[in-house]
Amino acid sequence: MKVDEPYPTSLMSAPMIIDTDAGGDPDDAFALIVAAAEPTLALVVTSDELGGERARFVRHLLDLLGRPEVPVVAGADLGNTRLNCIEDLVPPEVPHQPTDVLAAVTAVCSSTDGLVRWVGIGTASNLAPLLARRYKLADRLLVSQVGGALQYRDPERADHNFRTDIKAASVLVAKARVPRLQLSELTFTPAVEVGKGSPLHLLLSDPSGPPWARLVAAHLDQWYERFHHATMQHDALALADALGLPFTDYSRHRIAIDKRGRTTLAHKGTDVLLSDGARLEPYMRWLTEKVEAAYKQESTA
């Protein structure tokens, strides 16, 4: 396949792994709502962990969305505690999840002879050790990653996912098989916001709605109270890329990462696919329709 073409149809049946820091910015939760409707969702691993609480939240959300069979693994814990918008939202009876990322990823790769889609919507902390030390396994992974920026709004630092684990981001760029990087400047725009009091927020907050919706609404409320009046939907766009949907344009470039995690074009850098345009209005229509469909399906079940 040509690396600058969309995922071929043959990959649409490939197993999908989502690597998420769900529990901070709620855009991860929206991506998981959509992913839960995909039969190919095979595994969710969590990054930038909060002592296993992110994984417990994901487990609870997937259970409420009707996907209890999808394994959840608590991955890398970097010791950060600031981005926690799921306090007291997960019942105590939801257990801590397994922590062996390698075993879980190996199991998914063993289930198919083809490639496996890896959707990175958190740091690359779980992916980097696989790429660095498990070469045969790493070659099976087709990576779509939210991370990198050529025109970040603060030129003195990198985007969130890359700066949170700079070493892992460097390994991702150097070792992954021509990864797709969704650049921060593409989606840092009000065009992809789900704000406080927006139609989606109000829908999910309806006390008569399904339990998963009320969980996500409570998560949103913590985010709105502690951080920002809206959440930008970066992550579901990377999921849409992995699903083969035509919202984002990519082109091949060579980049380098500096010691601050900032990405720059570099003639002697590493080949990657960088997002250079997106159709955000149809993307947000699609995302809204997916969330509403999940809501209606559960409400009429």
Protein backbone atom coordinates (compact mmCIF):
# COMPACT_ATOMS: atom_id res chain seq x y z
CA MET A 1 0.00 0.00 0.00
CA LYS A 2 1.16 3.56 -0.59
CA VAL A 3 1.75 5.22 2.76
CA ASP A 4 0.08 8.49 1.74
CA GLU A 5 -3.22 6.83 0.80
CA PRO A 6 -6.14 6.22 3.18
CA TYR A 7 -6.25 2.90 4.96
CA PRO A 8 -7.27 0.29 2.36
CA THR A 9 -10.60 -1.47 2.64
CA SER A 10 -8.82 -4.68 3.62
CA LEU A 11 -7.77 -3.06 6.90
CA MET A 12 -11.26 -2.13 7.95
CA SER A 13 -11.63 -5.57 9.51
CA ALA A 14 -8.28 -5.34 11.28
CA PRO A 15 -8.37 -5.40 15.09
CA MET A 16 -8.15 -1.98 16.72
CA ILE A 17 -6.31 -1.00 19.89
CA ILE A 18 -6.98 2.35 21.55
CA ASP A 19 -4.32 3.90 23.80
CA THR A 20 -5.97 6.65 25.83
CA ASP A 21 -5.50 8.99 28.78
CA ALA A 22 -9.26 9.02 29.37
CA GLY A 23 -10.33 10.80 32.52
CA GLY A 24 -8.67 14.12 31.78
CA ASP A 25 -9.96 16.02 28.77
CA PRO A 26 -13.30 14.36 27.90
CA ASP A 27 -12.51 14.16 24.19
CA ASP A 28 -11.16 10.67 24.94
CA ALA A 29 -14.56 9.67 26.31
CA PHE A 30 -16.27 10.79 23.10
CA ALA A 31 -13.81 8.73 21.08
CA LEU A 32 -14.53 5.70 23.27
CA ILE A 33 -18.29 6.10 22.81
CA VAL A 34 -17.79 5.87 19.06
CA ALA A 35 -15.21 3.07 19.29
CA ALA A 36 -17.53 0.97 21.45
CA ALA A 37 -19.84 0.60 18.45
CA GLU A 38 -17.02 -0.87 16.35
CA PRO A 39 -16.88 -4.69 16.29
CA THR A 40 -13.12 -4.52 15.64
CA LEU A 41 -12.37 -2.81 18.96
CA ALA A 42 -10.09 -5.41 20.55
CA LEU A 43 -8.29 -3.67 23.42
CA VAL A 44 -8.06 -0.39 25.33
CA VAL A 45 -4.89 0.53 27.21
CA THR A 46 -4.50 3.61 29.36
CA SER A 47 -1.57 6.02 29.57
CA ASP A 48 -0.50 8.73 32.00
CA GLU A 49 -2.32 6.68 34.61
CA LEU A 50 -3.73 7.90 37.91
CA GLY A 51 -2.90 4.82 39.96
CA GLY A 52 -5.18 2.73 37.75
CA GLU A 53 -8.18 5.07 37.96
CA ARG A 54 -8.19 5.87 34.25
CA ALA A 55 -8.44 2.15 33.46
CA ARG A 56 -11.24 1.69 35.99
CA PHE A 57 -13.14 4.56 34.37
CA VAL A 58 -12.68 3.07 30.90
CA ARG A 59 -13.77 -0.35 32.15
CA HIS A 60 -16.91 1.14 33.67
CA LEU A 61 -17.70 3.18 30.55
CA LEU A 62 -17.27 0.21 28.20
CA ASP A 63 -19.39 -1.98 30.44
CA LEU A 64 -22.18 0.60 30.38
CA LEU A 65 -21.84 0.86 26.60
CA GLY A 66 -22.36 -2.89 26.26
CA ARG A 67 -18.75 -3.93 25.57
CA PRO A 68 -17.72 -5.88 28.68
CA GLU A 69 -15.73 -8.35 26.56
CA VAL A 70 -13.19 -5.73 25.43
CA PRO A 71 -10.11 -5.98 27.67
CA VAL A 72 -8.85 -2.87 29.44
CA VAL A 73 -5.25 -2.66 30.64
CA ALA A 74 -3.80 0.00 32.94
CA GLY A 75 -0.63 1.18 31.26
CA ALA A 76 2.13 3.67 31.99
CA ASP A 77 1.84 5.83 35.11
CA LEU A 78 4.05 8.90 34.82
CA GLY A 79 3.21 10.23 38.27
CA ASN A 80 1.04 13.10 37.05
CA THR A 81 -2.12 13.92 38.98
CA ARG A 82 -3.39 17.23 37.60
CA LEU A 83 -5.67 16.04 34.80
CA ASN A 84 -8.20 14.11 36.85
CA CYS A 85 -11.82 14.81 35.98
CA ILE A 86 -13.27 11.47 37.09
CA GLU A 87 -13.10 11.82 40.85
CA ASP A 88 -15.70 9.67 42.61
CA LEU A 89 -17.37 8.72 39.33
CA VAL A 90 -16.48 5.01 39.26
CA PRO A 91 -18.23 2.66 41.71
CA PRO A 92 -15.88 0.97 44.18
CA GLU A 93 -16.91 -2.47 42.94
CA VAL A 94 -15.24 -1.82 39.56
CA PRO A 95 -11.92 -3.62 40.00
CA HIS A 96 -8.45 -2.44 39.12
CA GLN A 97 -7.53 -3.66 35.66
CA PRO A 98 -4.57 -5.82 34.57
CA THR A 99 -1.30 -4.05 33.90
CA ASP A 100 0.53 -6.27 31.39
CA VAL A 101 0.37 -4.20 28.20
CA LEU A 102 2.75 -6.48 26.31
CA ALA A 103 0.68 -9.59 26.97
CA ALA A 104 -2.55 -7.85 25.95
CA VAL A 105 -1.11 -6.43 22.72
CA THR A 106 0.51 -9.77 21.88
CA ALA A 107 -2.87 -11.46 22.28
CA VAL A 108 -4.49 -9.05 19.84
CA CYS A 109 -1.71 -9.46 17.28
CA SER A 110 -1.90 -13.24 17.63
CA SER A 111 -5.58 -13.13 16.68
CA THR A 112 -4.83 -12.06 13.10
CA ASP A 113 -2.27 -12.62 10.37
CA GLY A 114 -2.52 -9.02 9.22
CA LEU A 115 -1.92 -5.57 10.60
CA VAL A 116 -3.42 -4.16 13.79
CA ARG A 117 -4.64 -0.58 14.05
CA TRP A 118 -3.20 1.41 16.98
CA VAL A 119 -5.08 4.62 17.81
CA GLY A 120 -2.95 6.74 20.13
CA ILE A 121 -5.01 9.43 21.83
CA GLY A 122 -2.78 9.82 24.88
CA THR A 123 0.98 9.76 25.36
CA ALA A 124 3.10 7.21 23.51
CA SER A 125 4.34 5.75 26.80
CA ASN A 126 2.81 2.31 26.21
CA LEU A 127 3.71 2.14 22.54
CA ALA A 128 7.36 3.18 22.83
CA PRO A 129 8.61 0.03 24.65
CA LEU A 130 6.87 -2.16 22.07
CA LEU A 131 8.49 -0.24 19.22
CA ALA A 132 11.92 -0.19 20.85
CA ARG A 133 12.17 -3.80 22.03
CA ARG A 134 9.53 -5.92 20.27
CA TYR A 135 10.39 -5.42 16.62
CA LYS A 136 8.24 -8.18 15.13
CA LEU A 137 5.27 -7.00 17.17
CA ALA A 138 5.89 -3.34 16.34
CA ASP A 139 5.91 -4.09 12.61
CA ARG A 140 2.30 -5.30 12.91
CA LEU A 141 1.02 -1.97 14.24
CA LEU A 142 -0.39 0.73 11.99
CA VAL A 143 -0.27 3.86 14.15
CA SER A 144 -2.59 6.89 14.13
CA GLN A 145 -1.40 9.26 16.86
CA VAL A 146 -2.71 12.53 18.22
CA GLY A 147 0.54 14.40 18.74
CA GLY A 148 3.05 16.77 17.27
CA ALA A 149 2.75 20.36 16.11
CA LEU A 150 4.56 22.45 13.55
CA GLN A 151 2.84 25.67 14.66
CA TYR A 152 2.00 25.13 18.30
CA ARG A 153 0.27 28.04 19.99
CA ASP A 154 3.18 28.32 22.47
CA PRO A 155 6.38 28.07 20.41
CA GLU A 156 8.43 27.40 23.55
CA ARG A 157 6.87 24.00 24.20
CA ALA A 158 5.42 20.94 22.50
CA ASP A 159 1.81 19.80 22.37
CA HIS A 160 0.38 17.98 25.39
CA ASN A 161 0.80 14.35 24.31
CA PHE A 162 4.38 14.77 23.14
CA ARG A 163 5.63 16.96 25.98
CA THR A 164 4.10 14.71 28.65
CA ASP A 165 6.47 11.91 27.59
CA ILE A 166 9.11 13.32 25.25
CA LYS A 167 11.24 10.19 25.18
CA ALA A 168 8.26 8.05 24.17
CA ALA A 169 7.28 10.52 21.44
CA SER A 170 10.81 10.37 20.06
CA VAL A 171 10.69 6.57 19.93
CA LEU A 172 7.29 6.69 18.24
CA VAL A 173 8.57 8.92 15.45
CA ALA A 174 11.81 6.97 15.04
CA LYS A 175 10.47 3.41 15.19
CA ALA A 176 6.82 3.23 14.07
CA ARG A 177 6.10 2.23 10.49
CA VAL A 178 5.35 5.64 8.93
CA PRO A 179 2.89 6.79 11.62
CA ARG A 180 0.06 9.21 10.99
CA LEU A 181 0.44 12.22 13.27
CA GLN A 182 -2.58 14.43 13.84
CA LEU A 183 -1.03 17.81 14.51
CA SER A 184 -2.33 19.97 17.35
CA GLU A 185 -2.94 23.06 15.23
CA LEU A 186 -5.41 21.15 13.07
CA THR A 187 -7.97 20.64 15.84
CA PHE A 188 -7.23 23.46 18.27
CA THR A 189 -10.23 25.44 17.09
CA PRO A 190 -13.73 26.30 18.34
CA ALA A 191 -15.05 24.40 15.32
CA VAL A 192 -14.64 21.12 17.23
CA GLU A 193 -15.75 22.24 20.68
CA VAL A 194 -18.38 20.57 22.82
CA GLY A 195 -19.13 23.33 25.28
CA LYS A 196 -20.98 23.66 28.53
CA GLY A 197 -24.66 23.91 27.71
CA SER A 198 -24.18 22.68 24.16
CA PRO A 199 -26.74 20.28 22.63
CA LEU A 200 -24.51 17.27 23.24
CA HIS A 201 -23.82 18.28 26.83
CA LEU A 202 -27.52 18.77 27.50
CA LEU A 203 -28.39 15.46 25.84
CA LEU A 204 -25.90 13.51 27.93
CA SER A 205 -26.98 15.32 31.10
CA ASP A 206 -30.62 14.28 30.80
CA PRO A 207 -31.38 12.37 34.04
CA SER A 208 -33.63 10.00 32.10
CA GLY A 209 -30.83 9.04 29.71
CA PRO A 210 -28.73 5.86 29.75
CA PRO A 211 -26.21 5.38 32.59
CA TRP A 212 -23.18 5.74 30.31
CA ALA A 213 -24.42 9.15 29.17
CA ARG A 214 -24.85 10.39 32.73
CA LEU A 215 -21.33 9.14 33.52
CA VAL A 216 -19.88 11.12 30.62
CA ALA A 217 -21.96 14.17 31.59
CA ALA A 218 -20.54 14.08 35.11
CA HIS A 219 -17.07 13.76 33.62
CA LEU A 220 -17.76 16.78 31.40
CA ASP A 221 -18.99 18.78 34.38
CA GLN A 222 -15.74 18.19 36.26
CA TRP A 223 -13.79 19.32 33.20
CA TYR A 224 -15.90 22.45 32.77
CA GLU A 225 -15.57 23.32 36.43
CA ARG A 226 -11.82 22.74 36.74
CA PHE A 227 -10.31 23.55 33.36
CA HIS A 228 -12.31 25.00 30.49
CA HIS A 229 -15.82 25.82 29.33
CA ALA A 230 -15.45 23.44 26.37
CA THR A 231 -13.61 20.33 25.23
CA MET A 232 -12.09 20.20 21.75
CA GLN A 233 -12.63 16.91 19.95
CA HIS A 234 -9.09 16.06 18.90
CA ASP A 235 -9.23 12.35 19.64
CA ALA A 236 -12.25 11.10 17.74
CA LEU A 237 -10.69 12.51 14.56
CA ALA A 238 -7.74 10.14 14.95
CA LEU A 239 -10.24 7.35 15.49
CA ALA A 240 -12.02 8.37 12.28
CA ASP A 241 -8.68 8.12 10.46
CA ALA A 242 -8.20 4.58 11.72
CA LEU A 243 -11.72 3.76 10.55
CA GLY A 244 -10.84 4.92 7.06
CA LEU A 245 -13.13 7.94 7.04
CA PRO A 246 -12.17 10.80 4.71
CA PHE A 247 -12.10 13.76 7.11
CA THR A 248 -8.34 14.37 7.27
CA ASP A 249 -5.70 14.91 4.59
CA TYR A 250 -2.18 13.64 5.19
CA SER A 251 1.08 14.11 3.35
CA ARG A 252 4.49 12.60 3.83
CA HIS A 253 7.23 14.65 5.48
CA ARG A 254 10.44 14.19 7.42
CA ILE A 255 10.48 15.53 10.94
CA ALA A 256 12.71 15.69 13.99
CA ILE A 257 11.89 16.09 17.69
CA ASP A 258 13.97 18.33 19.91
CA LYS A 259 14.68 17.94 23.62
CA ARG A 260 11.45 19.77 24.51
CA GLY A 261 9.36 17.43 22.39
CA ARG A 262 8.75 20.01 19.67
CA THR A 263 8.41 18.71 16.13
CA THR A 264 10.01 20.42 13.16
CA LEU A 265 10.42 19.62 9.49
CA ALA A 266 13.91 18.24 8.92
CA HIS A 267 15.51 17.08 5.68
CA LYS A 268 17.45 14.37 7.53
CA GLY A 269 14.58 13.50 9.84
CA THR A 270 12.22 10.53 9.96
CA ASP A 271 9.42 9.87 7.49
CA VAL A 272 5.92 10.35 8.90
CA LEU A 273 2.49 11.31 7.62
CA LEU A 274 1.39 14.72 8.89
CA SER A 275 -2.16 16.06 8.87
CA ASP A 276 -2.34 19.11 6.65
CA GLY A 277 -6.05 19.71 6.35
CA ALA A 278 -9.39 18.48 7.61
CA ARG A 279 -13.08 18.79 6.91
CA LEU A 280 -14.13 19.64 10.45
CA GLU A 281 -17.80 20.46 9.88
CA PRO A 282 -18.69 17.01 8.47
CA TYR A 283 -16.43 15.43 11.08
CA MET A 284 -18.37 17.05 13.91
CA ARG A 285 -21.66 16.05 12.26
CA TRP A 286 -20.44 12.47 12.14
CA LEU A 287 -19.29 12.54 15.77
CA THR A 288 -22.57 14.04 16.94
CA GLU A 289 -24.58 11.48 14.99
CA LYS A 290 -22.52 8.62 16.46
CA VAL A 291 -23.04 9.82 20.03
CA GLU A 292 -26.75 10.42 19.43
CA ALA A 293 -27.10 6.95 17.87
CA ALA A 294 -25.51 5.32 20.91
CA TYR A 295 -27.82 7.34 23.16
CA LYS A 296 -30.95 6.41 21.22
CA GLN A 297 -30.00 2.76 20.94
CA GLU A 298 -29.55 2.46 24.70
CA SER A 299 -32.64 4.52 25.47
CA THR A 300 -34.87 2.28 23.34
CA ALA A 301 -33.29 -1.02 24.38
